[in-house]
């Protein structure tokens, strides 16, 4: 797996932070009950 990290675009901490910032910015009347974050080029 360590070799794969150099070949694909894996999730970074900044990706999660951007999502958290989005969640904090939604209007109060929006109810987000679940967020799933998955990489696009990484086998899960």
N, C-alpha and C. Protein backbone atom coordinates (compact mmCIF):
# COMPACT_ATOMS: atom_id res chain seq x y z
N UNK A 1 0.81 -1.18 0.00
CA UNK A 1 0.00 0.00 0.00
C UNK A 1 0.86 1.26 0.00
N UNK A 2 1.99 1.23 0.68
CA UNK A 2 2.85 2.41 0.75
C UNK A 2 3.32 2.84 -0.63
N UNK A 3 3.57 1.91 -1.53
CA UNK A 3 3.99 2.25 -2.88
C UNK A 3 2.86 2.90 -3.68
N UNK A 4 1.64 2.51 -3.41
CA UNK A 4 0.49 3.06 -4.12
C UNK A 4 0.29 4.54 -3.84
N UNK A 5 0.63 4.99 -2.65
CA UNK A 5 0.42 6.38 -2.26
C UNK A 5 1.14 7.33 -3.21
N UNK A 6 2.26 6.90 -3.75
CA UNK A 6 3.02 7.75 -4.67
C UNK A 6 2.41 7.77 -6.06
N UNK A 7 1.58 6.79 -6.39
CA UNK A 7 1.03 6.66 -7.74
C UNK A 7 -0.38 7.20 -7.90
N UNK A 8 -1.10 7.40 -6.80
CA UNK A 8 -2.49 7.86 -6.89
C UNK A 8 -2.70 9.09 -6.02
N UNK A 9 -3.79 9.78 -6.26
CA UNK A 9 -4.14 10.98 -5.52
C UNK A 9 -5.00 10.58 -4.33
N UNK A 10 -4.36 10.34 -3.18
CA UNK A 10 -5.08 9.89 -1.98
C UNK A 10 -5.69 11.09 -1.25
N UNK A 11 -6.63 10.83 -0.38
CA UNK A 11 -7.24 11.89 0.41
C UNK A 11 -6.19 12.52 1.33
N UNK A 12 -6.33 13.83 1.49
CA UNK A 12 -5.43 14.58 2.36
C UNK A 12 -6.25 15.18 3.51
N UNK A 13 -5.59 15.59 4.54
CA UNK A 13 -6.26 16.24 5.65
C UNK A 13 -7.02 17.49 5.21
N UNK A 14 -6.47 18.19 4.23
CA UNK A 14 -7.12 19.39 3.70
C UNK A 14 -8.46 19.07 3.06
N UNK A 15 -8.60 17.88 2.49
CA UNK A 15 -9.87 17.47 1.90
C UNK A 15 -10.96 17.37 2.97
N UNK A 16 -10.60 16.81 4.10
CA UNK A 16 -11.54 16.68 5.20
C UNK A 16 -11.84 18.06 5.79
N UNK A 17 -10.81 18.88 5.94
CA UNK A 17 -11.00 20.23 6.49
C UNK A 17 -11.93 21.06 5.61
N UNK A 18 -11.81 20.93 4.30
CA UNK A 18 -12.68 21.66 3.38
C UNK A 18 -14.14 21.21 3.55
N UNK A 19 -14.34 19.94 3.76
CA UNK A 19 -15.69 19.42 3.98
C UNK A 19 -16.27 19.94 5.30
N UNK A 20 -15.46 19.97 6.34
CA UNK A 20 -15.91 20.49 7.62
C UNK A 20 -16.27 21.97 7.50
N UNK A 21 -15.48 22.73 6.76
CA UNK A 21 -15.78 24.14 6.54
C UNK A 21 -17.11 24.29 5.79
N UNK A 22 -17.35 23.43 4.82
CA UNK A 22 -18.62 23.46 4.10
C UNK A 22 -19.78 23.19 5.06
N UNK A 23 -19.63 22.19 5.91
CA UNK A 23 -20.68 21.85 6.87
C UNK A 23 -20.97 23.01 7.81
N UNK A 24 -19.93 23.72 8.22
CA UNK A 24 -20.11 24.85 9.13
C UNK A 24 -20.80 26.02 8.44
N UNK A 25 -20.76 26.08 7.12
CA UNK A 25 -21.28 27.22 6.38
C UNK A 25 -22.72 27.03 5.88
N UNK A 26 -23.27 25.84 6.01
CA UNK A 26 -24.63 25.64 5.50
C UNK A 26 -25.62 26.41 6.39
N UNK A 27 -26.73 26.84 5.82
CA UNK A 27 -27.73 27.56 6.61
C UNK A 27 -28.27 26.71 7.76
N UNK A 28 -28.76 27.35 8.79
CA UNK A 28 -29.26 26.65 9.98
C UNK A 28 -30.45 25.75 9.66
N UNK A 29 -31.19 26.05 8.61
CA UNK A 29 -32.36 25.23 8.28
C UNK A 29 -32.00 23.97 7.50
N UNK A 30 -30.73 23.81 7.15
CA UNK A 30 -30.28 22.61 6.43
C UNK A 30 -29.86 21.56 7.46
N UNK A 31 -30.40 20.36 7.31
CA UNK A 31 -30.09 19.26 8.23
C UNK A 31 -29.28 18.21 7.47
N UNK A 32 -27.98 18.19 7.70
CA UNK A 32 -27.12 17.17 7.10
C UNK A 32 -26.96 16.05 8.11
N UNK A 33 -27.48 14.89 7.75
CA UNK A 33 -27.44 13.78 8.71
C UNK A 33 -26.27 12.84 8.48
N UNK A 34 -25.71 12.89 7.28
CA UNK A 34 -24.61 11.97 7.00
C UNK A 34 -23.77 12.51 5.85
N UNK A 35 -22.48 12.44 6.01
CA UNK A 35 -21.53 12.81 4.95
C UNK A 35 -20.57 11.64 4.79
N UNK A 36 -20.41 11.19 3.56
CA UNK A 36 -19.45 10.13 3.25
C UNK A 36 -18.40 10.70 2.32
N UNK A 37 -17.15 10.58 2.71
CA UNK A 37 -16.06 11.08 1.90
C UNK A 37 -15.24 9.89 1.42
N UNK A 38 -15.17 9.75 0.10
CA UNK A 38 -14.42 8.65 -0.50
C UNK A 38 -13.46 9.20 -1.54
N UNK A 39 -12.31 8.60 -1.69
CA UNK A 39 -11.39 9.01 -2.75
C UNK A 39 -11.93 8.55 -4.10
N UNK A 40 -11.55 9.23 -5.16
CA UNK A 40 -12.03 8.84 -6.48
C UNK A 40 -11.10 7.87 -7.19
N UNK A 41 -9.82 7.90 -6.87
CA UNK A 41 -8.86 7.06 -7.60
C UNK A 41 -8.27 5.95 -6.73
N UNK A 42 -8.78 5.78 -5.54
CA UNK A 42 -8.22 4.83 -4.59
C UNK A 42 -9.19 3.67 -4.37
N UNK A 43 -8.68 2.48 -4.39
CA UNK A 43 -9.54 1.32 -4.11
C UNK A 43 -9.94 1.35 -2.65
N UNK A 44 -11.24 1.16 -2.41
CA UNK A 44 -11.72 1.17 -1.02
C UNK A 44 -12.33 -0.18 -0.68
